[in-house]
Amino acid sequence: MSTADSPVRAAPRIEGPPPRVLVLQAPYYRAVIEGLRQGADPLLAAAGATVETAEVAGAFELPGALRLALRAPRRRWDGFLVLGCVVKGETDHYDHICREACRGVMDIAVETGVPIGFGLLTVHTLAQAEARARPDRHNKGAEAAQALLTQIALARRWGVA
């Protein structure tokens, strides 16, 4: 299913205090990341979320930064929004970075159960990334924020937050 086929979802109702969210972003393609944030930020604001942002060098560093954030004293954040973009080049470097960044974030999600919104674009062209960061209902930053807020709501509902 493509984004064009996806249903419009209502913002989840989050019980308790406003969620605290850490956005980890790899700004290598800054205009794309800014577009993803323009999709995500209104959803986070509508949920009353307190948002902190940390930038990392690139997509490969996203899982490591996520792991570091989880080691912070006391539970500072209810969930994490991971944003980045990898555009295919002429070598197989793209395949390795995409695979390891995605696997790293997924490993953390499965091991810890922490709510994560995954907004790492892995595309063949910059035009594909720009299309997914436009200010419309197909914005992948908005989709990742929606997924994150849904996970936070579930964690609170099930008493594991």
N, C-alpha and C. Protein backbone atom coordinates (compact mmCIF):
# COMPACT_ATOMS: atom_id res chain seq x y z
N MET A 1 0.84 -1.16 0.00
CA MET A 1 0.00 0.00 0.00
C MET A 1 0.89 1.23 0.00
N SER A 2 0.56 2.20 -0.82
CA SER A 2 1.31 3.44 -0.87
C SER A 2 0.64 4.48 0.01
N THR A 3 1.33 5.59 0.22
CA THR A 3 0.76 6.68 1.00
C THR A 3 -0.52 7.19 0.35
N ALA A 4 -0.56 7.17 -0.97
CA ALA A 4 -1.75 7.67 -1.67
C ALA A 4 -2.99 6.86 -1.30
N ASP A 5 -2.80 5.61 -0.93
CA ASP A 5 -3.91 4.74 -0.57
C ASP A 5 -4.25 4.78 0.92
N SER A 6 -3.41 5.40 1.71
CA SER A 6 -3.59 5.33 3.16
C SER A 6 -4.77 6.19 3.61
N PRO A 7 -5.48 5.70 4.62
CA PRO A 7 -6.61 6.48 5.14
C PRO A 7 -6.13 7.65 5.99
N VAL A 8 -6.94 8.68 6.07
CA VAL A 8 -6.65 9.79 6.97
C VAL A 8 -7.05 9.33 8.36
N ARG A 9 -6.12 9.44 9.31
CA ARG A 9 -6.39 8.97 10.67
C ARG A 9 -6.55 10.15 11.62
N ALA A 10 -7.44 9.98 12.55
CA ALA A 10 -7.63 11.00 13.58
C ALA A 10 -6.48 10.90 14.59
N ALA A 11 -6.15 12.02 15.20
CA ALA A 11 -5.13 12.01 16.24
C ALA A 11 -5.60 11.14 17.40
N PRO A 12 -4.71 10.32 17.94
CA PRO A 12 -5.11 9.47 19.06
C PRO A 12 -5.33 10.29 20.33
N ARG A 13 -6.20 9.80 21.17
CA ARG A 13 -6.43 10.42 22.48
C ARG A 13 -5.39 9.85 23.43
N ILE A 14 -4.58 10.74 24.01
CA ILE A 14 -3.52 10.30 24.91
C ILE A 14 -3.89 10.66 26.34
N GLU A 15 -4.07 9.64 27.16
CA GLU A 15 -4.41 9.83 28.57
C GLU A 15 -3.23 10.39 29.33
N GLY A 16 -3.52 11.13 30.39
CA GLY A 16 -2.47 11.61 31.29
C GLY A 16 -1.85 12.90 30.83
N PRO A 17 -0.65 13.17 31.35
CA PRO A 17 0.01 14.45 31.04
C PRO A 17 0.42 14.50 29.57
N PRO A 18 0.67 15.70 29.07
CA PRO A 18 1.12 15.81 27.68
C PRO A 18 2.38 14.98 27.44
N PRO A 19 2.47 14.34 26.29
CA PRO A 19 3.65 13.51 26.02
C PRO A 19 4.91 14.34 25.83
N ARG A 20 6.01 13.75 26.24
CA ARG A 20 7.33 14.34 26.04
C ARG A 20 8.02 13.57 24.93
N VAL A 21 8.42 14.28 23.89
CA VAL A 21 8.95 13.63 22.69
C VAL A 21 10.35 14.16 22.38
N LEU A 22 11.24 13.25 22.06
CA LEU A 22 12.55 13.63 21.55
C LEU A 22 12.57 13.33 20.06
N VAL A 23 12.85 14.35 19.26
CA VAL A 23 13.01 14.18 17.82
C VAL A 23 14.50 14.05 17.54
N LEU A 24 14.87 12.91 16.99
CA LEU A 24 16.25 12.70 16.56
C LEU A 24 16.26 12.84 15.05
N GLN A 25 17.05 13.79 14.55
CA GLN A 25 17.03 14.02 13.12
C GLN A 25 18.43 14.12 12.55
N ALA A 26 18.55 13.58 11.34
CA ALA A 26 19.80 13.62 10.58
C ALA A 26 19.60 14.61 9.44
N PRO A 27 20.12 15.83 9.58
CA PRO A 27 19.78 16.90 8.64
C PRO A 27 20.64 16.97 7.38
N TYR A 28 21.17 15.85 6.92
CA TYR A 28 22.01 15.86 5.73
C TYR A 28 21.29 16.52 4.56
N TYR A 29 20.02 16.19 4.39
CA TYR A 29 19.16 16.85 3.40
C TYR A 29 18.22 17.77 4.19
N ARG A 30 18.74 18.91 4.60
CA ARG A 30 18.03 19.79 5.53
C ARG A 30 16.64 20.18 5.05
N ALA A 31 16.48 20.51 3.77
CA ALA A 31 15.15 20.93 3.27
C ALA A 31 14.15 19.79 3.40
N VAL A 32 14.59 18.57 3.19
CA VAL A 32 13.70 17.41 3.33
C VAL A 32 13.32 17.23 4.79
N ILE A 33 14.28 17.32 5.69
CA ILE A 33 13.99 17.16 7.12
C ILE A 33 13.07 18.27 7.59
N GLU A 34 13.29 19.49 7.12
CA GLU A 34 12.39 20.58 7.48
C GLU A 34 10.96 20.30 7.00
N GLY A 35 10.82 19.72 5.81
CA GLY A 35 9.50 19.34 5.32
C GLY A 35 8.86 18.26 6.17
N LEU A 36 9.65 17.28 6.58
CA LEU A 36 9.12 16.23 7.47
C LEU A 36 8.68 16.83 8.79
N ARG A 37 9.45 17.77 9.32
CA ARG A 37 9.08 18.43 10.58
C ARG A 37 7.80 19.25 10.40
N GLN A 38 7.64 19.89 9.26
CA GLN A 38 6.42 20.66 9.01
C GLN A 38 5.19 19.76 8.98
N GLY A 39 5.39 18.51 8.64
CA GLY A 39 4.29 17.55 8.72
C GLY A 39 4.07 17.04 10.12
N ALA A 40 5.15 16.80 10.85
CA ALA A 40 5.06 16.21 12.19
C ALA A 40 4.67 17.21 13.27
N ASP A 41 5.23 18.40 13.22
CA ASP A 41 5.07 19.36 14.32
C ASP A 41 3.61 19.71 14.64
N PRO A 42 2.74 19.93 13.65
CA PRO A 42 1.35 20.24 14.00
C PRO A 42 0.65 19.10 14.75
N LEU A 43 0.97 17.85 14.42
CA LEU A 43 0.37 16.72 15.13
C LEU A 43 0.86 16.66 16.57
N LEU A 44 2.16 16.88 16.73
CA LEU A 44 2.73 16.86 18.08
C LEU A 44 2.15 18.01 18.91
N ALA A 45 2.01 19.17 18.30
CA ALA A 45 1.43 20.33 19.00
C ALA A 45 -0.02 20.06 19.37
N ALA A 46 -0.77 19.46 18.48
CA ALA A 46 -2.18 19.16 18.76
C ALA A 46 -2.32 18.20 19.93
N ALA A 47 -1.33 17.34 20.12
CA ALA A 47 -1.34 16.40 21.25
C ALA A 47 -0.81 17.06 22.53
N GLY A 48 -0.38 18.32 22.43
CA GLY A 48 0.16 19.02 23.59
C GLY A 48 1.56 18.58 23.95
N ALA A 49 2.24 17.93 23.02
CA ALA A 49 3.56 17.37 23.31
C ALA A 49 4.61 18.44 23.57
N THR A 50 5.47 18.13 24.51
CA THR A 50 6.69 18.89 24.72
C THR A 50 7.73 18.24 23.83
N VAL A 51 8.36 19.03 22.98
CA VAL A 51 9.28 18.47 21.98
C VAL A 51 10.68 19.01 22.18
N GLU A 52 11.63 18.09 22.21
CA GLU A 52 13.05 18.43 22.23
C GLU A 52 13.66 17.85 20.96
N THR A 53 14.63 18.52 20.40
CA THR A 53 15.25 18.07 19.15
C THR A 53 16.74 17.89 19.34
N ALA A 54 17.26 16.80 18.78
CA ALA A 54 18.70 16.56 18.75
C ALA A 54 19.08 16.16 17.33
N GLU A 55 20.15 16.76 16.82
CA GLU A 55 20.62 16.42 15.48
C GLU A 55 21.82 15.49 15.58
N VAL A 56 21.89 14.56 14.63
CA VAL A 56 23.02 13.65 14.52
C VAL A 56 23.65 13.85 13.16
N ALA A 57 24.83 13.29 12.96
CA ALA A 57 25.57 13.52 11.72
C ALA A 57 24.83 12.97 10.49
N GLY A 58 24.30 11.79 10.61
CA GLY A 58 23.64 11.16 9.47
C GLY A 58 22.74 10.03 9.91
N ALA A 59 22.14 9.37 8.93
CA ALA A 59 21.19 8.30 9.22
C ALA A 59 21.83 7.16 10.01
N PHE A 60 23.07 6.86 9.73
CA PHE A 60 23.75 5.76 10.42
C PHE A 60 23.82 5.99 11.92
N GLU A 61 23.87 7.26 12.33
CA GLU A 61 23.99 7.59 13.75
C GLU A 61 22.66 7.61 14.49
N LEU A 62 21.56 7.52 13.80
CA LEU A 62 20.25 7.58 14.46
C LEU A 62 20.05 6.49 15.52
N PRO A 63 20.32 5.22 15.21
CA PRO A 63 20.13 4.20 16.27
C PRO A 63 21.03 4.40 17.48
N GLY A 64 22.26 4.82 17.25
CA GLY A 64 23.17 5.06 18.37
C GLY A 64 22.69 6.20 19.25
N ALA A 65 22.19 7.25 18.63
CA ALA A 65 21.66 8.38 19.40
C ALA A 65 20.42 7.96 20.17
N LEU A 66 19.60 7.15 19.56
CA LEU A 66 18.40 6.64 20.24
C LEU A 66 18.80 5.82 21.46
N ARG A 67 19.79 4.98 21.31
CA ARG A 67 20.28 4.17 22.43
C ARG A 67 20.85 5.07 23.54
N LEU A 68 21.59 6.11 23.18
CA LEU A 68 22.11 7.05 24.18
C LEU A 68 20.97 7.74 24.92
N ALA A 69 19.96 8.17 24.19
CA ALA A 69 18.82 8.84 24.82
C ALA A 69 18.12 7.93 25.83
N LEU A 70 18.06 6.66 25.52
CA LEU A 70 17.42 5.71 26.42
C LEU A 70 18.24 5.49 27.69
N ARG A 71 19.52 5.83 27.64
CA ARG A 71 20.38 5.69 28.82
C ARG A 71 20.35 6.94 29.70
N ALA A 72 19.64 7.98 29.27
CA ALA A 72 19.59 9.22 30.05
C ALA A 72 19.00 8.93 31.43
N PRO A 73 19.50 9.66 32.46
CA PRO A 73 18.94 9.46 33.80
C PRO A 73 17.46 9.80 33.83
N ARG A 74 16.72 9.04 34.59
CA ARG A 74 15.26 9.13 34.69
C ARG A 74 14.63 9.10 33.30
N ARG A 75 13.43 8.75 33.25
CA ARG A 75 12.72 8.63 31.97
C ARG A 75 12.31 10.03 31.51
N ARG A 76 13.10 10.60 30.61
CA ARG A 76 12.87 11.99 30.18
C ARG A 76 11.83 12.10 29.08
N TRP A 77 11.70 11.07 28.24
CA TRP A 77 10.81 11.16 27.09
C TRP A 77 9.85 9.97 27.06
N ASP A 78 8.64 10.25 26.59
CA ASP A 78 7.64 9.18 26.42
C ASP A 78 7.80 8.46 25.09
N GLY A 79 8.46 9.10 24.15
CA GLY A 79 8.65 8.48 22.84
C GLY A 79 9.63 9.28 22.00
N PHE A 80 9.97 8.69 20.88
CA PHE A 80 11.01 9.23 20.01
C PHE A 80 10.53 9.27 18.57
N LEU A 81 10.83 10.38 17.90
CA LEU A 81 10.55 10.52 16.48
C LEU A 81 11.89 10.57 15.77
N VAL A 82 12.11 9.61 14.88
CA VAL A 82 13.37 9.48 14.16
C VAL A 82 13.16 9.95 12.73
N LEU A 83 13.92 10.97 12.32
CA LEU A 83 13.76 11.54 10.98
C LEU A 83 15.11 11.59 10.26
N GLY A 84 15.10 11.19 9.01
CA GLY A 84 16.31 11.25 8.20
C GLY A 84 15.98 10.94 6.76
N CYS A 85 17.01 11.00 5.94
CA CYS A 85 16.83 10.72 4.51
C CYS A 85 18.13 10.18 3.95
N VAL A 86 18.03 9.08 3.22
CA VAL A 86 19.17 8.51 2.52
C VAL A 86 18.77 8.41 1.05
N VAL A 87 19.57 9.02 0.18
CA VAL A 87 19.32 9.00 -1.26
C VAL A 87 20.35 8.10 -1.91
N LYS A 88 19.89 7.21 -2.76
CA LYS A 88 20.78 6.24 -3.42
C LYS A 88 21.79 6.96 -4.30
N GLY A 89 23.02 6.54 -4.17
CA GLY A 89 24.09 7.06 -5.02
C GLY A 89 24.55 6.00 -5.99
N GLU A 90 25.80 6.10 -6.40
CA GLU A 90 26.34 5.18 -7.41
C GLU A 90 26.95 3.91 -6.82
N THR A 91 27.08 3.85 -5.50
CA THR A 91 27.71 2.68 -4.88
C THR A 91 26.71 1.96 -3.98
N ASP A 92 27.13 0.86 -3.43
CA ASP A 92 26.25 0.09 -2.54
C ASP A 92 26.25 0.63 -1.11
N HIS A 93 26.92 1.75 -0.87
CA HIS A 93 26.92 2.41 0.45
C HIS A 93 25.48 2.63 0.92
N TYR A 94 24.61 3.06 0.02
CA TYR A 94 23.20 3.30 0.31
C TYR A 94 22.55 2.07 0.94
N ASP A 95 22.78 0.91 0.34
CA ASP A 95 22.18 -0.32 0.85
C ASP A 95 22.62 -0.62 2.27
N HIS A 96 23.89 -0.44 2.55
CA HIS A 96 24.40 -0.72 3.89
C HIS A 96 23.86 0.26 4.92
N ILE A 97 23.87 1.54 4.60
CA ILE A 97 23.39 2.55 5.54
C ILE A 97 21.90 2.34 5.82
N CYS A 98 21.12 2.16 4.77
CA CYS A 98 19.67 1.97 4.95
C CYS A 98 19.37 0.74 5.80
N ARG A 99 20.00 -0.36 5.45
CA ARG A 99 19.75 -1.61 6.17
C ARG A 99 20.11 -1.49 7.64
N GLU A 100 21.29 -0.96 7.93
CA GLU A 100 21.75 -0.92 9.31
C GLU A 100 21.01 0.12 10.13
N ALA A 101 20.69 1.27 9.54
CA ALA A 101 19.93 2.27 10.29
C ALA A 101 18.53 1.74 10.61
N CYS A 102 17.88 1.15 9.64
CA CYS A 102 16.54 0.59 9.86
C CYS A 102 16.58 -0.55 10.88
N ARG A 103 17.54 -1.44 10.72
CA ARG A 103 17.65 -2.58 11.64
C ARG A 103 17.97 -2.10 13.05
N GLY A 104 18.85 -1.10 13.16
CA GLY A 104 19.22 -0.58 14.47
C GLY A 104 18.02 -0.01 15.21
N VAL A 105 17.22 0.78 14.52
CA VAL A 105 16.03 1.35 15.17
C VAL A 105 15.03 0.25 15.51
N MET A 106 14.83 -0.69 14.60
CA MET A 106 13.88 -1.79 14.85
C MET A 106 14.35 -2.65 16.02
N ASP A 107 15.63 -2.93 16.10
CA ASP A 107 16.15 -3.72 17.22
C ASP A 107 15.83 -3.04 18.55
N ILE A 108 16.02 -1.73 18.61
CA ILE A 108 15.73 -0.99 19.83
C ILE A 108 14.24 -1.03 20.14
N ALA A 109 13.42 -0.86 19.12
CA ALA A 109 11.97 -0.89 19.33
C ALA A 109 11.52 -2.24 19.88
N VAL A 110 12.04 -3.31 19.32
CA VAL A 110 11.64 -4.65 19.76
C VAL A 110 12.20 -4.97 21.14
N GLU A 111 13.45 -4.61 21.40
CA GLU A 111 14.09 -4.89 22.69
C GLU A 111 13.45 -4.13 23.84
N THR A 112 13.11 -2.86 23.59
CA THR A 112 12.68 -2.00 24.69
C THR A 112 11.18 -1.75 24.73
N GLY A 113 10.52 -1.85 23.60
CA GLY A 113 9.10 -1.52 23.54
C GLY A 113 8.82 -0.03 23.60
N VAL A 114 9.86 0.80 23.54
CA VAL A 114 9.68 2.24 23.61
C VAL A 114 8.94 2.73 22.36
N PRO A 115 8.01 3.67 22.51
CA PRO A 115 7.32 4.21 21.34
C PRO A 115 8.28 4.97 20.42
N ILE A 116 8.28 4.59 19.16
CA ILE A 116 9.14 5.21 18.16
C ILE A 116 8.31 5.49 16.91
N GLY A 117 8.43 6.70 16.41
CA GLY A 117 7.89 7.04 15.10
C GLY A 117 9.05 7.03 14.12
N PHE A 118 8.95 6.24 13.07
CA PHE A 118 10.07 6.01 12.16
C PHE A 118 9.86 6.80 10.88
N GLY A 119 10.63 7.85 10.72
CA GLY A 119 10.53 8.70 9.54
C GLY A 119 11.84 8.81 8.80
N LEU A 120 12.48 7.68 8.54
CA LEU A 120 13.71 7.66 7.76
C LEU A 120 13.35 7.32 6.32
N LEU A 121 13.51 8.30 5.44
CA LEU A 121 13.23 8.07 4.03
C LEU A 121 14.41 7.36 3.38
N THR A 122 14.14 6.32 2.63
CA THR A 122 15.17 5.63 1.86
C THR A 122 14.68 5.64 0.42
N VAL A 123 15.27 6.51 -0.37
CA VAL A 123 14.75 6.81 -1.71
C VAL A 123 15.84 6.72 -2.76
N HIS A 124 15.40 6.62 -4.00
CA HIS A 124 16.36 6.55 -5.11
C HIS A 124 16.75 7.93 -5.64
N THR A 125 15.88 8.92 -5.44
CA THR A 125 16.18 10.26 -5.94
C THR A 125 15.77 11.30 -4.91
N LEU A 126 16.39 12.46 -5.00
CA LEU A 126 16.02 13.55 -4.12
C LEU A 126 14.58 13.98 -4.39
N ALA A 127 14.14 13.90 -5.63
CA ALA A 127 12.76 14.26 -5.96
C ALA A 127 11.77 13.35 -5.21
N GLN A 128 12.09 12.08 -5.05
CA GLN A 128 11.23 11.18 -4.27
C GLN A 128 11.16 11.62 -2.82
N ALA A 129 12.29 12.04 -2.27
CA ALA A 129 12.31 12.51 -0.88
C ALA A 129 11.49 13.79 -0.74
N GLU A 130 11.66 14.70 -1.66
CA GLU A 130 10.92 15.96 -1.62
C GLU A 130 9.41 15.71 -1.71
N ALA A 131 9.01 14.74 -2.53
CA ALA A 131 7.58 14.42 -2.65
C ALA A 131 7.01 13.89 -1.34
N ARG A 132 7.84 13.22 -0.55
CA ARG A 132 7.38 12.64 0.72
C ARG A 132 7.48 13.63 1.87
N ALA A 133 8.03 14.81 1.59
CA ALA A 133 8.17 15.84 2.62
C ALA A 133 7.34 17.09 2.29
N ARG A 134 6.46 16.96 1.33
CA ARG A 134 5.60 18.09 0.96
C ARG A 134 4.55 18.34 2.05
N PRO A 135 4.03 19.57 2.10
CA PRO A 135 2.99 19.87 3.10
C PRO A 135 1.61 19.42 2.64
N ASP A 136 1.45 18.11 2.52
CA ASP A 136 0.14 17.56 2.14
C ASP A 136 -0.10 16.29 2.96
N ARG A 137 -1.18 15.60 2.69
CA ARG A 137 -1.53 14.44 3.51
C ARG A 137 -0.63 13.24 3.28
N HIS A 138 0.32 13.35 2.36
CA HIS A 138 1.25 12.26 2.08
C HIS A 138 2.60 12.45 2.77
N ASN A 139 2.69 13.43 3.66
CA ASN A 139 3.93 13.76 4.34
C ASN A 139 4.33 12.63 5.30
N LYS A 140 5.51 12.09 5.09
CA LYS A 140 5.98 10.96 5.91
C LYS A 140 6.35 11.38 7.33
N GLY A 141 6.68 12.64 7.54
CA GLY A 141 6.91 13.12 8.90
C GLY A 141 5.63 13.09 9.71
N ALA A 142 4.54 13.49 9.06
CA ALA A 142 3.23 13.43 9.72
C ALA A 142 2.85 11.99 10.02
N GLU A 143 3.10 11.10 9.09
CA GLU A 143 2.79 9.68 9.32
C GLU A 143 3.59 9.12 10.49
N ALA A 144 4.87 9.47 10.55
CA ALA A 144 5.71 8.97 11.65
C ALA A 144 5.25 9.53 12.99
N ALA A 145 4.87 10.82 13.00
CA ALA A 145 4.37 11.42 14.25
C ALA A 145 3.06 10.77 14.67
N GLN A 146 2.21 10.49 13.72
CA GLN A 146 0.93 9.82 14.01
C GLN A 146 1.20 8.45 14.63
N ALA A 147 2.12 7.72 14.04
CA ALA A 147 2.47 6.39 14.56
C ALA A 147 3.04 6.50 15.97
N LEU A 148 3.91 7.47 16.20
CA LEU A 148 4.49 7.67 17.53
C LEU A 148 3.41 7.97 18.56
N LEU A 149 2.53 8.90 18.26
CA LEU A 149 1.48 9.26 19.21
C LEU A 149 0.56 8.08 19.50
N THR A 150 0.29 7.28 18.49
CA THR A 150 -0.53 6.08 18.69
C THR A 150 0.17 5.10 19.63
N GLN A 151 1.48 4.94 19.47
CA GLN A 151 2.24 4.04 20.34
C GLN A 151 2.28 4.57 21.77
N ILE A 152 2.44 5.88 21.94
CA ILE A 152 2.43 6.46 23.29
C ILE A 152 1.07 6.22 23.94
N ALA A 153 0.00 6.44 23.18
CA ALA A 153 -1.35 6.22 23.71
C ALA A 153 -1.54 4.76 24.13
N LEU A 154 -1.06 3.82 23.33
CA LEU A 154 -1.17 2.40 23.69
C LEU A 154 -0.37 2.08 24.94
N ALA A 155 0.85 2.60 25.02
CA ALA A 155 1.70 2.33 26.20
C ALA A 155 1.02 2.83 27.47
N ARG A 156 0.41 3.99 27.39
CA ARG A 156 -0.29 4.53 28.57
C ARG A 156 -1.54 3.72 28.87
N ARG A 157 -2.28 3.37 27.85
CA ARG A 157 -3.50 2.59 28.07
C ARG A 157 -3.21 1.25 28.71
N TRP A 158 -2.10 0.64 28.32
CA TRP A 158 -1.73 -0.67 28.85
C TRP A 158 -0.87 -0.58 30.11
N GLY A 159 -0.63 0.64 30.59
CA GLY A 159 0.11 0.81 31.85
C GLY A 159 1.58 0.50 31.77
N VAL A 160 2.19 0.63 30.61
CA VAL A 160 3.62 0.33 30.48
C VAL A 160 4.43 1.59 30.14
N ALA A 161 3.80 2.74 30.26
CA ALA A 161 4.52 3.99 29.96
C ALA A 161 5.20 4.52 31.19
